[in-house]
């Protein structure tokens, strides 16, 4: 008989084994698709939170939907928002810029040569 107090516990692997499945013919398209799905998911969550906050402002503070829609940022707030938008755009585009720079630096045969005909 086996004693259940001395059973060996099997730990699941911390990382999945094998390679990431590839859906499209080009691995770059797969990476772009994954980034797109991630961004869409984050955006959906952000929209839910915005909706919740707007509803709370209407219910608990007494603002109207028109009050919220017509609110405008002062110049300082607008500058802060623009800085955040710029930072987000730079983070989102960084992989593409890095990819392009790598291929341009690789010389002939990189994407720099393939875009000359376009």
PDB file of N, CA and C in Angstrom:
ATOM      1  N   UNK A   1       0.829  -1.191   0.000  1.00  0.00           N
ATOM      2  CA  UNK A   1       0.000   0.000   0.000  1.00  0.00           C
ATOM      3  C   UNK A   1       0.865   1.243   0.000  1.00  0.00           C
ATOM      4  N   UNK A   2       0.315   2.300  -0.547  1.00  0.00           N
ATOM      5  CA  UNK A   2       1.046   3.560  -0.543  1.00  0.00           C
ATOM      6  C   UNK A   2       0.477   4.460   0.535  1.00  0.00           C
ATOM      7  N   UNK A   3       1.346   5.175   1.159  1.00  0.00           N
ATOM      8  CA  UNK A   3       0.962   6.089   2.227  1.00  0.00           C
ATOM      9  C   UNK A   3       0.681   7.464   1.609  1.00  0.00           C
ATOM     10  N   UNK A   4      -0.579   7.997   1.696  1.00  0.00           N
ATOM     11  CA  UNK A   4      -0.914   9.275   1.065  1.00  0.00           C
ATOM     12  C   UNK A   4      -0.154  10.460   1.667  1.00  0.00           C
ATOM     13  N   UNK A   5       0.360  10.335   2.856  1.00  0.00           N
ATOM     14  CA  UNK A   5       1.100  11.447   3.464  1.00  0.00           C
ATOM     15  C   UNK A   5       2.478  11.606   2.837  1.00  0.00           C
ATOM     16  N   UNK A   6       2.955  10.586   2.157  1.00  0.00           N
ATOM     17  CA  UNK A   6       4.277  10.627   1.540  1.00  0.00           C
ATOM     18  C   UNK A   6       4.205  10.677   0.014  1.00  0.00           C
ATOM     19  N   UNK A   7       3.056  11.086  -0.515  1.00  0.00           N
ATOM     20  CA  UNK A   7       2.924  11.136  -1.969  1.00  0.00           C
ATOM     21  C   UNK A   7       3.784  12.285  -2.523  1.00  0.00           C
ATOM     22  N   UNK A   8       4.282  12.078  -3.704  1.00  0.00           N
ATOM     23  CA  UNK A   8       5.117  13.076  -4.364  1.00  0.00           C
ATOM     24  C   UNK A   8       4.221  14.059  -5.106  1.00  0.00           C
ATOM     25  N   UNK A   9       4.405  15.310  -4.825  1.00  0.00           N
ATOM     26  CA  UNK A   9       3.611  16.339  -5.495  1.00  0.00           C
ATOM     27  C   UNK A   9       4.304  16.721  -6.794  1.00  0.00           C
ATOM     28  N   UNK A  10       3.555  16.707  -7.873  1.00  0.00           N
ATOM     29  CA  UNK A  10       4.100  17.060  -9.172  1.00  0.00           C
ATOM     30  C   UNK A  10       3.821  18.532  -9.432  1.00  0.00           C
ATOM     31  N   UNK A  11       4.876  19.298  -9.651  1.00  0.00           N
ATOM     32  CA  UNK A  11       4.749  20.724  -9.936  1.00  0.00           C
ATOM     33  C   UNK A  11       4.564  20.931 -11.441  1.00  0.00           C
ATOM     34  N   UNK A  12       3.589  21.741 -11.834  1.00  0.00           N
ATOM     35  CA  UNK A  12       3.428  22.021 -13.264  1.00  0.00           C
ATOM     36  C   UNK A  12       4.592  22.893 -13.751  1.00  0.00           C
ATOM     37  N   UNK A  13       4.917  22.808 -15.032  1.00  0.00           N
ATOM     38  CA  UNK A  13       6.009  23.630 -15.551  1.00  0.00           C
ATOM     39  C   UNK A  13       5.655  25.109 -15.447  1.00  0.00           C
ATOM     40  N   UNK A  14       6.659  25.946 -15.199  1.00  0.00           N
ATOM     41  CA  UNK A  14       6.435  27.391 -15.086  1.00  0.00           C
ATOM     42  C   UNK A  14       6.221  28.035 -16.452  1.00  0.00           C
ATOM     43  N   UNK A  15       6.843  27.486 -17.464  1.00  0.00           N
ATOM     44  CA  UNK A  15       6.698  27.998 -18.824  1.00  0.00           C
ATOM     45  C   UNK A  15       6.156  26.891 -19.715  1.00  0.00           C
ATOM     46  N   UNK A  16       5.331  27.258 -20.683  1.00  0.00           N
ATOM     47  CA  UNK A  16       4.815  26.222 -21.575  1.00  0.00           C
ATOM     48  C   UNK A  16       5.935  25.615 -22.414  1.00  0.00           C
ATOM     49  N   UNK A  17       5.797  24.340 -22.696  1.00  0.00           N
ATOM     50  CA  UNK A  17       6.792  23.669 -23.525  1.00  0.00           C
ATOM     51  C   UNK A  17       6.412  23.837 -24.990  1.00  0.00           C
ATOM     52  N   UNK A  18       7.396  23.725 -25.846  1.00  0.00           N
ATOM     53  CA  UNK A  18       7.129  23.827 -27.268  1.00  0.00           C
ATOM     54  C   UNK A  18       7.189  25.263 -27.746  1.00  0.00           C
ATOM     55  N   UNK A  19       6.843  25.435 -28.987  1.00  0.00           N
ATOM     56  CA  UNK A  19       6.891  26.769 -29.577  1.00  0.00           C
ATOM     57  C   UNK A  19       5.501  27.381 -29.606  1.00  0.00           C
ATOM     58  N   UNK A  20       5.466  28.666 -29.790  1.00  0.00           N
ATOM     59  CA  UNK A  20       4.207  29.390 -29.899  1.00  0.00           C
ATOM     60  C   UNK A  20       3.574  29.024 -31.242  1.00  0.00           C
ATOM     61  N   UNK A  21       2.293  28.672 -31.255  1.00  0.00           N
ATOM     62  CA  UNK A  21       1.675  28.297 -32.526  1.00  0.00           C
ATOM     63  C   UNK A  21       1.672  29.470 -33.509  1.00  0.00           C
ATOM     64  N   UNK A  22       1.887  29.151 -34.761  1.00  0.00           N
ATOM     65  CA  UNK A  22       1.911  30.180 -35.806  1.00  0.00           C
ATOM     66  C   UNK A  22       0.647  30.031 -36.634  1.00  0.00           C
ATOM     67  N   UNK A  23      -0.123  31.118 -36.752  1.00  0.00           N
ATOM     68  CA  UNK A  23      -1.391  31.101 -37.466  1.00  0.00           C
ATOM     69  C   UNK A  23      -1.190  31.536 -38.916  1.00  0.00           C
ATOM     70  N   UNK A  24      -0.438  32.611 -39.110  1.00  0.00           N
ATOM     71  CA  UNK A  24      -0.226  33.170 -40.437  1.00  0.00           C
ATOM     72  C   UNK A  24       1.083  32.643 -41.029  1.00  0.00           C
ATOM     73  N   UNK A  25       1.245  32.828 -42.327  1.00  0.00           N
ATOM     74  CA  UNK A  25       2.453  32.359 -43.005  1.00  0.00           C
ATOM     75  C   UNK A  25       3.700  33.090 -42.528  1.00  0.00           C
ATOM     76  N   UNK A  26       3.548  34.339 -42.157  1.00  0.00           N
ATOM     77  CA  UNK A  26       4.680  35.172 -41.746  1.00  0.00           C
ATOM     78  C   UNK A  26       4.649  35.356 -40.230  1.00  0.00           C
ATOM     79  N   UNK A  27       5.772  35.065 -39.569  1.00  0.00           N
ATOM     80  CA  UNK A  27       5.838  35.205 -38.111  1.00  0.00           C
ATOM     81  C   UNK A  27       5.603  36.662 -37.689  1.00  0.00           C
ATOM     82  N   UNK A  28       6.032  37.610 -38.506  1.00  0.00           N
ATOM     83  CA  UNK A  28       5.811  39.026 -38.197  1.00  0.00           C
ATOM     84  C   UNK A  28       4.333  39.372 -38.143  1.00  0.00           C
ATOM     85  N   UNK A  29       3.557  38.761 -39.031  1.00  0.00           N
ATOM     86  CA  UNK A  29       2.107  38.997 -39.022  1.00  0.00           C
ATOM     87  C   UNK A  29       1.505  38.407 -37.751  1.00  0.00           C
ATOM     88  N   UNK A  30       2.007  37.255 -37.327  1.00  0.00           N
ATOM     89  CA  UNK A  30       1.545  36.677 -36.062  1.00  0.00           C
ATOM     90  C   UNK A  30       1.835  37.616 -34.893  1.00  0.00           C
ATOM     91  N   UNK A  31       3.025  38.195 -34.877  1.00  0.00           N
ATOM     92  CA  UNK A  31       3.389  39.116 -33.798  1.00  0.00           C
ATOM     93  C   UNK A  31       2.508  40.360 -33.833  1.00  0.00           C
ATOM     94  N   UNK A  32       2.253  40.869 -35.026  1.00  0.00           N
ATOM     95  CA  UNK A  32       1.390  42.033 -35.163  1.00  0.00           C
ATOM     96  C   UNK A  32      -0.035  41.696 -34.715  1.00  0.00           C
ATOM     97  N   UNK A  33      -0.506  40.520 -35.082  1.00  0.00           N
ATOM     98  CA  UNK A  33      -1.834  40.087 -34.665  1.00  0.00           C
ATOM     99  C   UNK A  33      -1.927  39.997 -33.141  1.00  0.00           C
ATOM    100  N   UNK A  34      -0.902  39.418 -32.516  1.00  0.00           N
ATOM    101  CA  UNK A  34      -0.896  39.304 -31.051  1.00  0.00           C
ATOM    102  C   UNK A  34      -0.906  40.680 -30.400  1.00  0.00           C
ATOM    103  N   UNK A  35      -0.124  41.610 -30.953  1.00  0.00           N
ATOM    104  CA  UNK A  35      -0.098  42.972 -30.412  1.00  0.00           C
ATOM    105  C   UNK A  35      -1.461  43.640 -30.576  1.00  0.00           C
ATOM    106  N   UNK A  36      -2.083  43.432 -31.723  1.00  0.00           N
ATOM    107  CA  UNK A  36      -3.393  44.009 -32.000  1.00  0.00           C
ATOM    108  C   UNK A  36      -4.444  43.476 -31.027  1.00  0.00           C
ATOM    109  N   UNK A  37      -4.460  42.171 -30.800  1.00  0.00           N
ATOM    110  CA  UNK A  37      -5.429  41.570 -29.887  1.00  0.00           C
ATOM    111  C   UNK A  37      -5.194  42.074 -28.462  1.00  0.00           C
ATOM    112  N   UNK A  38      -3.936  42.178 -28.057  1.00  0.00           N
ATOM    113  CA  UNK A  38      -3.614  42.690 -26.725  1.00  0.00           C
ATOM    114  C   UNK A  38      -4.088  44.123 -26.568  1.00  0.00           C
ATOM    115  N   UNK A  39      -3.819  44.942 -27.560  1.00  0.00           N
ATOM    116  CA  UNK A  39      -4.236  46.342 -27.508  1.00  0.00           C
ATOM    117  C   UNK A  39      -5.764  46.462 -27.491  1.00  0.00           C
ATOM    118  N   UNK A  40      -6.436  45.654 -28.302  1.00  0.00           N
ATOM    119  CA  UNK A  40      -7.900  45.688 -28.324  1.00  0.00           C
ATOM    120  C   UNK A  40      -8.476  45.276 -26.974  1.00  0.00           C
ATOM    121  N   UNK A  41      -7.874  44.295 -26.331  1.00  0.00           N
ATOM    122  CA  UNK A  41      -8.329  43.847 -25.016  1.00  0.00           C
ATOM    123  C   UNK A  41      -8.145  44.951 -23.980  1.00  0.00           C
ATOM    124  N   UNK A  42      -6.970  45.582 -23.993  1.00  0.00           N
ATOM    125  CA  UNK A  42      -6.713  46.678 -23.059  1.00  0.00           C
ATOM    126  C   UNK A  42      -7.689  47.828 -23.288  1.00  0.00           C
ATOM    127  N   UNK A  43      -7.983  48.116 -24.549  1.00  0.00           N
ATOM    128  CA  UNK A  43      -8.911  49.196 -24.873  1.00  0.00           C
ATOM    129  C   UNK A  43     -10.319  48.870 -24.383  1.00  0.00           C
ATOM    130  N   UNK A  44     -10.733  47.619 -24.530  1.00  0.00           N
ATOM    131  CA  UNK A  44     -12.059  47.215 -24.052  1.00  0.00           C
ATOM    132  C   UNK A  44     -12.160  47.391 -22.541  1.00  0.00           C
ATOM    133  N   UNK A  45     -11.112  47.014 -21.822  1.00  0.00           N
ATOM    134  CA  UNK A  45     -11.093  47.185 -20.367  1.00  0.00           C
ATOM    135  C   UNK A  45     -11.152  48.670 -20.013  1.00  0.00           C
ATOM    136  N   UNK A  46     -10.390  49.480 -20.725  1.00  0.00           N
ATOM    137  CA  UNK A  46     -10.398  50.930 -20.464  1.00  0.00           C
ATOM    138  C   UNK A  46     -11.787  51.519 -20.709  1.00  0.00           C
ATOM    139  N   UNK A  47     -12.451  51.095 -21.790  1.00  0.00           N
ATOM    140  CA  UNK A  47     -13.804  51.595 -22.071  1.00  0.00           C
ATOM    141  C   UNK A  47     -14.780  51.197 -20.964  1.00  0.00           C
ATOM    142  N   UNK A  48     -14.657  49.991 -20.434  1.00  0.00           N
ATOM    143  CA  UNK A  48     -15.517  49.568 -19.326  1.00  0.00           C
ATOM    144  C   UNK A  48     -15.301  50.448 -18.102  1.00  0.00           C
ATOM    145  N   UNK A  49     -14.032  50.739 -17.804  1.00  0.00           N
ATOM    146  CA  UNK A  49     -13.736  51.575 -16.634  1.00  0.00           C
ATOM    147  C   UNK A  49     -14.248  52.994 -16.839  1.00  0.00           C
ATOM    148  N   UNK A  50     -14.099  53.535 -18.028  1.00  0.00           N
ATOM    149  CA  UNK A  50     -14.602  54.876 -18.321  1.00  0.00           C
ATOM    150  C   UNK A  50     -16.113  54.898 -18.143  1.00  0.00           C
ATOM    151  N   UNK A  51     -16.791  53.893 -18.670  1.00  0.00           N
ATOM    152  CA  UNK A  51     -18.243  53.812 -18.543  1.00  0.00           C
ATOM    153  C   UNK A  51     -18.650  53.762 -17.072  1.00  0.00           C
ATOM    154  N   UNK A  52     -17.951  52.952 -16.282  1.00  0.00           N
ATOM    155  CA  UNK A  52     -18.244  52.859 -14.854  1.00  0.00           C
ATOM    156  C   UNK A  52     -18.054  54.209 -14.163  1.00  0.00           C
ATOM    157  N   UNK A  53     -16.947  54.870 -14.458  1.00  0.00           N
ATOM    158  CA  UNK A  53     -16.689  56.177 -13.840  1.00  0.00           C
ATOM    159  C   UNK A  53     -17.746  57.213 -14.236  1.00  0.00           C
ATOM    160  N   UNK A  54     -18.131  57.230 -15.504  1.00  0.00           N
ATOM    161  CA  UNK A  54     -19.161  58.175 -15.944  1.00  0.00           C
ATOM    162  C   UNK A  54     -20.491  57.904 -15.245  1.00  0.00           C
ATOM    163  N   UNK A  55     -20.842  56.635 -15.115  1.00  0.00           N
ATOM    164  CA  UNK A  55     -22.101  56.299 -14.439  1.00  0.00           C
ATOM    165  C   UNK A  55     -22.062  56.697 -12.962  1.00  0.00           C
ATOM    166  N   UNK A  56     -20.905  56.494 -12.320  1.00  0.00           N
ATOM    167  CA  UNK A  56     -20.773  56.901 -10.919  1.00  0.00           C
ATOM    168  C   UNK A  56     -20.870  58.422 -10.779  1.00  0.00           C
ATOM    169  N   UNK A  57     -20.271  59.149 -11.694  1.00  0.00           N
ATOM    170  CA  UNK A  57     -20.367  60.617 -11.641  1.00  0.00           C
ATOM    171  C   UNK A  57     -21.813  61.075 -11.804  1.00  0.00           C
ATOM    172  N   UNK A  58     -22.551  60.417 -12.664  1.00  0.00           N
ATOM    173  CA  UNK A  58     -23.953  60.787 -12.868  1.00  0.00           C
ATOM    174  C   UNK A  58     -24.785  60.427 -11.636  1.00  0.00           C
ATOM    175  N   UNK A  59     -24.572  59.212 -11.092  1.00  0.00           N
ATOM    176  CA  UNK A  59     -25.380  58.744  -9.968  1.00  0.00           C
ATOM    177  C   UNK A  59     -25.026  59.428  -8.654  1.00  0.00           C
ATOM    178  N   UNK A  60     -23.747  59.576  -8.356  1.00  0.00           N
ATOM    179  CA  UNK A  60     -23.335  60.014  -7.021  1.00  0.00           C
ATOM    180  C   UNK A  60     -22.987  61.491  -6.925  1.00  0.00           C
ATOM    181  N   UNK A  61     -22.557  62.078  -8.008  1.00  0.00           N
ATOM    182  CA  UNK A  61     -22.148  63.485  -7.955  1.00  0.00           C
ATOM    183  C   UNK A  61     -23.237  64.382  -8.525  1.00  0.00           C
ATOM    184  N   UNK A  62     -24.080  63.815  -9.352  1.00  0.00           N
ATOM    185  CA  UNK A  62     -25.180  64.594  -9.891  1.00  0.00           C
ATOM    186  C   UNK A  62     -24.885  65.251 -11.224  1.00  0.00           C
ATOM    187  N   UNK A  63     -23.783  64.887 -11.857  1.00  0.00           N
ATOM    188  CA  UNK A  63     -23.516  65.415 -13.189  1.00  0.00           C
ATOM    189  C   UNK A  63     -24.448  64.763 -14.192  1.00  0.00           C
ATOM    190  N   UNK A  64     -24.609  65.409 -15.324  1.00  0.00           N
ATOM    191  CA  UNK A  64     -25.393  64.811 -16.401  1.00  0.00           C
ATOM    192  C   UNK A  64     -24.442  64.282 -17.468  1.00  0.00           C
ATOM    193  N   UNK A  65     -24.984  63.460 -18.346  1.00  0.00           N
ATOM    194  CA  UNK A  65     -24.170  62.940 -19.456  1.00  0.00           C
ATOM    195  C   UNK A  65     -23.669  64.102 -20.319  1.00  0.00           C
ATOM    196  N   UNK A  66     -24.485  65.136 -20.483  1.00  0.00           N
ATOM    197  CA  UNK A  66     -24.062  66.310 -21.259  1.00  0.00           C
ATOM    198  C   UNK A  66     -22.910  67.039 -20.571  1.00  0.00           C
ATOM    199  N   UNK A  67     -22.942  67.122 -19.228  1.00  0.00           N
ATOM    200  CA  UNK A  67     -21.843  67.744 -18.482  1.00  0.00           C
ATOM    201  C   UNK A  67     -20.528  67.023 -18.777  1.00  0.00           C
ATOM    202  N   UNK A  68     -20.577  65.719 -18.754  1.00  0.00           N
ATOM    203  CA  UNK A  68     -19.374  64.915 -18.971  1.00  0.00           C
ATOM    204  C   UNK A  68     -18.892  65.072 -20.411  1.00  0.00           C
ATOM    205  N   UNK A  69     -19.838  65.013 -21.361  1.00  0.00           N
ATOM    206  CA  UNK A  69     -19.484  65.107 -22.778  1.00  0.00           C
ATOM    207  C   UNK A  69     -18.910  66.468 -23.146  1.00  0.00           C
ATOM    208  N   UNK A  70     -19.393  67.512 -22.510  1.00  0.00           N
ATOM    209  CA  UNK A  70     -18.964  68.868 -22.898  1.00  0.00           C
ATOM    210  C   UNK A  70     -17.773  69.380 -22.088  1.00  0.00           C
ATOM    211  N   UNK A  71     -17.302  68.603 -21.129  1.00  0.00           N
ATOM    212  CA  UNK A  71     -16.163  69.035 -20.315  1.00  0.00           C
ATOM    213  C   UNK A  71     -14.916  69.159 -21.190  1.00  0.00           C
ATOM    214  N   UNK A  72     -14.166  70.216 -20.979  1.00  0.00           N
ATOM    215  CA  UNK A  72     -12.944  70.448 -21.756  1.00  0.00           C
ATOM    216  C   UNK A  72     -11.765  70.595 -20.802  1.00  0.00           C
ATOM    217  N   UNK A  73     -10.631  70.123 -21.233  1.00  0.00           N
ATOM    218  CA  UNK A  73      -9.421  70.218 -20.421  1.00  0.00           C
ATOM    219  C   UNK A  73      -8.843  71.620 -20.536  1.00  0.00           C
ATOM    220  N   UNK A  74      -8.259  72.091 -19.426  1.00  0.00           N
ATOM    221  CA  UNK A  74      -7.556  73.372 -19.505  1.00  0.00           C
ATOM    222  C   UNK A  74      -6.228  73.136 -20.231  1.00  0.00           C
ATOM    223  N   UNK A  75      -5.516  74.196 -20.629  1.00  0.00           N
ATOM    224  CA  UNK A  75      -4.282  74.019 -21.408  1.00  0.00           C
ATOM    225  C   UNK A  75      -3.238  73.121 -20.742  1.00  0.00           C
ATOM    226  N   UNK A  76      -3.106  73.202 -19.420  1.00  0.00           N
ATOM    227  CA  UNK A  76      -2.140  72.361 -18.717  1.00  0.00           C
ATOM    228  C   UNK A  76      -2.531  70.892 -18.810  1.00  0.00           C
ATOM    229  N   UNK A  77      -3.810  70.597 -18.589  1.00  0.00           N
ATOM    230  CA  UNK A  77      -4.295  69.218 -18.695  1.00  0.00           C
ATOM    231  C   UNK A  77      -4.169  68.711 -20.126  1.00  0.00           C
ATOM    232  N   UNK A  78      -4.475  69.570 -21.084  1.00  0.00           N
ATOM    233  CA  UNK A  78      -4.369  69.170 -22.490  1.00  0.00           C
ATOM    234  C   UNK A  78      -2.919  68.824 -22.843  1.00  0.00           C
ATOM    235  N   UNK A  79      -1.970  69.581 -22.322  1.00  0.00           N
ATOM    236  CA  UNK A  79      -0.553  69.302 -22.578  1.00  0.00           C
ATOM    237  C   UNK A  79      -0.141  67.973 -21.946  1.00  0.00           C
ATOM    238  N   UNK A  80      -0.631  67.692 -20.737  1.00  0.00           N
ATOM    239  CA  UNK A  80      -0.332  66.416 -20.088  1.00  0.00           C
ATOM    240  C   UNK A  80      -0.920  65.248 -20.869  1.00  0.00           C
ATOM    241  N   UNK A  81      -2.132  65.427 -21.357  1.00  0.00           N
ATOM    242  CA  UNK A  81      -2.764  64.367 -22.148  1.00  0.00           C
ATOM    243  C   UNK A  81      -1.993  64.114 -23.437  1.00  0.00           C
ATOM    244  N   UNK A  82      -1.576  65.185 -24.088  1.00  0.00           N
ATOM    245  CA  UNK A  82      -0.819  65.044 -25.327  1.00  0.00           C
ATOM    246  C   UNK A  82       0.506  64.329 -25.074  1.00  0.00           C
ATOM    247  N   UNK A  83       1.151  64.642 -23.962  1.00  0.00           N
ATOM    248  CA  UNK A  83       2.414  63.974 -23.625  1.00  0.00           C
ATOM    249  C   UNK A  83       2.190  62.479 -23.402  1.00  0.00           C
ATOM    250  N   UNK A  84       1.098  62.125 -22.713  1.00  0.00           N
ATOM    251  CA  UNK A  84       0.781  60.707 -22.503  1.00  0.00           C
ATOM    252  C   UNK A  84       0.473  60.011 -23.826  1.00  0.00           C
ATOM    253  N   UNK A  85      -0.252  60.683 -24.708  1.00  0.00           N
ATOM    254  CA  UNK A  85      -0.577  60.099 -26.015  1.00  0.00           C
ATOM    255  C   UNK A  85       0.682  59.878 -26.846  1.00  0.00           C
ATOM    256  N   UNK A  86       1.582  60.841 -26.799  1.00  0.00           N
ATOM    257  CA  UNK A  86       2.846  60.721 -27.533  1.00  0.00           C
ATOM    258  C   UNK A  86       3.671  59.570 -26.994  1.00  0.00           C
ATOM    259  N   UNK A  87       3.748  59.459 -25.675  1.00  0.00           N
ATOM    260  CA  UNK A  87       4.499  58.368 -25.044  1.00  0.00           C
ATOM    261  C   UNK A  87       3.896  57.011 -25.418  1.00  0.00           C
ATOM    262  N   UNK A  88       2.577  56.925 -25.410  1.00  0.00           N
ATOM    263  CA  UNK A  88       1.911  55.672 -25.781  1.00  0.00           C
ATOM    264  C   UNK A  88       2.205  55.327 -27.241  1.00  0.00           C
ATOM    265  N   UNK A  89       2.101  56.301 -28.118  1.00  0.00           N
ATOM    266  CA  UNK A  89       2.376  56.057 -29.537  1.00  0.00           C
ATOM    267  C   UNK A  89       3.812  55.585 -29.740  1.00  0.00           C
ATOM    268  N   UNK A  90       4.755  56.189 -29.036  1.00  0.00           N
ATOM    269  CA  UNK A  90       6.154  55.773 -29.155  1.00  0.00           C
ATOM    270  C   UNK A  90       6.347  54.334 -28.663  1.00  0.00           C
ATOM    271  N   UNK A  91       5.692  53.969 -27.559  1.00  0.00           N
ATOM    272  CA  UNK A  91       5.807  52.599 -27.046  1.00  0.00           C
ATOM    273  C   UNK A  91       5.186  51.598 -28.013  1.00  0.00           C
ATOM    274  N   UNK A  92       4.038  51.949 -28.598  1.00  0.00           N
ATOM    275  CA  UNK A  92       3.367  51.044 -29.517  1.00  0.00           C
ATOM    276  C   UNK A  92       4.151  50.856 -30.816  1.00  0.00           C
ATOM    277  N   UNK A  93       4.807  51.909 -31.262  1.00  0.00           N
ATOM    278  CA  UNK A  93       5.533  51.850 -32.537  1.00  0.00           C
ATOM    279  C   UNK A  93       6.970  51.376 -32.393  1.00  0.00           C
ATOM    280  N   UNK A  94       7.486  51.292 -31.182  1.00  0.00           N
ATOM    281  CA  UNK A  94       8.889  50.922 -30.967  1.00  0.00           C
ATOM    282  C   UNK A  94       9.269  49.598 -31.625  1.00  0.00           C
ATOM    283  N   UNK A  95       8.490  48.526 -31.478  1.00  0.00           N
ATOM    284  CA  UNK A  95       8.898  47.278 -32.139  1.00  0.00           C
ATOM    285  C   UNK A  95       9.020  47.427 -33.656  1.00  0.00           C
ATOM    286  N   UNK A  96       8.147  48.215 -34.256  1.00  0.00           N
ATOM    287  CA  UNK A  96       8.200  48.413 -35.701  1.00  0.00           C
ATOM    288  C   UNK A  96       9.410  49.254 -36.104  1.00  0.00           C
ATOM    289  N   UNK A  97       9.697  50.279 -35.310  1.00  0.00           N
ATOM    290  CA  UNK A  97      10.879  51.102 -35.579  1.00  0.00           C
ATOM    291  C   UNK A  97      12.152  50.280 -35.415  1.00  0.00           C
ATOM    292  N   UNK A  98      12.203  49.484 -34.352  1.00  0.00           N
ATOM    293  CA  UNK A  98      13.381  48.635 -34.122  1.00  0.00           C
ATOM    294  C   UNK A  98      13.554  47.635 -35.263  1.00  0.00           C
ATOM    295  N   UNK A  99      12.463  47.031 -35.702  1.00  0.00           N
ATOM    296  CA  UNK A  99      12.511  46.068 -36.803  1.00  0.00           C
ATOM    297  C   UNK A  99      13.041  46.743 -38.067  1.00  0.00           C
ATOM    298  N   UNK A 100      12.503  47.905 -38.369  1.00  0.00           N
ATOM    299  CA  UNK A 100      12.916  48.638 -39.573  1.00  0.00           C
ATOM    300  C   UNK A 100      14.388  49.029 -39.490  1.00  0.00           C
ATOM    301  N   UNK A 101      14.804  49.575 -38.353  1.00  0.00           N
ATOM    302  CA  UNK A 101      16.199  49.986 -38.186  1.00  0.00           C
ATOM    303  C   UNK A 101      17.147  48.794 -38.299  1.00  0.00           C
ATOM    304  N   UNK A 102      16.743  47.655 -37.741  1.00  0.00           N
ATOM    305  CA  UNK A 102      17.575  46.450 -37.826  1.00  0.00           C
ATOM    306  C   UNK A 102      17.759  46.036 -39.289  1.00  0.00           C
ATOM    307  N   UNK A 103      16.672  46.065 -40.051  1.00  0.00           N
ATOM    308  CA  UNK A 103      16.757  45.645 -41.446  1.00  0.00           C
ATOM    309  C   UNK A 103      17.481  46.665 -42.313  1.00  0.00           C
ATOM    310  N   UNK A 104      17.359  47.935 -41.993  1.00  0.00           N
ATOM    311  CA  UNK A 104      18.104  48.952 -42.735  1.00  0.00           C
ATOM    312  C   UNK A 104      19.592  48.791 -42.449  1.00  0.00           C
ATOM    313  N   UNK A 105      19.921  48.539 -41.188  1.00  0.00           N
ATOM    314  CA  UNK A 105      21.323  48.379 -40.804  1.00  0.00           C
ATOM    315  C   UNK A 105      21.931  47.111 -41.397  1.00  0.00           C
ATOM    316  N   UNK A 106      21.068  46.119 -41.708  1.00  0.00           N
ATOM    317  CA  UNK A 106      21.596  44.866 -42.244  1.00  0.00           C
ATOM    318  C   UNK A 106      22.060  45.011 -43.685  1.00  0.00           C
ATOM    319  N   UNK A 107      21.772  46.144 -44.309  1.00  0.00           N
ATOM    320  CA  UNK A 107      22.298  46.413 -45.637  1.00  0.00           C
ATOM    321  C   UNK A 107      21.462  45.819 -46.755  1.00  0.00           C
ATOM    322  N   UNK A 108      22.115  45.541 -47.906  1.00  0.00           N
ATOM    323  CA  UNK A 108      21.396  45.045 -49.087  1.00  0.00           C
ATOM    324  C   UNK A 108      20.566  43.806 -48.765  1.00  0.00           C
ATOM    325  N   UNK A 109      19.385  43.785 -49.351  1.00  0.00           N
ATOM    326  CA  UNK A 109      18.488  42.661 -49.110  1.00  0.00           C
ATOM    327  C   UNK A 109      17.533  42.899 -47.960  1.00  0.00           C
ATOM    328  N   UNK A 110      17.776  43.952 -47.186  1.00  0.00           N
ATOM    329  CA  UNK A 110      16.877  44.282 -46.081  1.00  0.00           C
ATOM    330  C   UNK A 110      15.657  44.997 -46.615  1.00  0.00           C
ATOM    331  N   UNK A 111      14.823  45.497 -45.737  1.00  0.00           N
ATOM    332  CA  UNK A 111      13.612  46.148 -46.205  1.00  0.00           C
ATOM    333  C   UNK A 111      13.905  47.464 -46.899  1.00  0.00           C
ATOM    334  N   UNK A 112      15.074  48.051 -46.656  1.00  0.00           N
ATOM    335  CA  UNK A 112      15.416  49.308 -47.329  1.00  0.00           C
ATOM    336  C   UNK A 112      15.445  49.098 -48.834  1.00  0.00           C
ATOM    337  N   UNK A 113      16.011  47.979 -49.302  1.00  0.00           N
ATOM    338  CA  UNK A 113      16.083  47.703 -50.728  1.00  0.00           C
ATOM    339  C   UNK A 113      14.718  47.330 -51.292  1.00  0.00           C
ATOM    340  N   UNK A 114      13.905  46.623 -50.517  1.00  0.00           N
ATOM    341  CA  UNK A 114      12.615  46.167 -51.028  1.00  0.00           C
ATOM    342  C   UNK A 114      11.614  47.302 -51.136  1.00  0.00           C
ATOM    343  N   UNK A 115      11.848  48.443 -50.477  1.00  0.00           N
ATOM    344  CA  UNK A 115      10.901  49.559 -50.533  1.00  0.00           C
ATOM    345  C   UNK A 115      11.275  50.547 -51.620  1.00  0.00           C
ATOM    346  N   UNK A 116      12.397  50.373 -52.302  1.00  0.00           N
ATOM    347  CA  UNK A 116      12.801  51.313 -53.347  1.00  0.00           C
ATOM    348  C   UNK A 116      11.849  51.286 -54.534  1.00  0.00           C
ATOM    349  N   UNK A 117      11.274  50.118 -54.819  1.00  0.00           N
ATOM    350  CA  UNK A 117      10.385  49.998 -55.975  1.00  0.00           C
ATOM    351  C   UNK A 117       8.995  50.531 -55.687  1.00  0.00           C
ATOM    352  N   UNK A 118       8.678  50.708 -54.419  1.00  0.00           N
ATOM    353  CA  UNK A 118       7.320  51.131 -54.041  1.00  0.00           C
ATOM    354  C   UNK A 118       7.085  52.593 -54.331  1.00  0.00           C
TER     355      UNK A 118
END
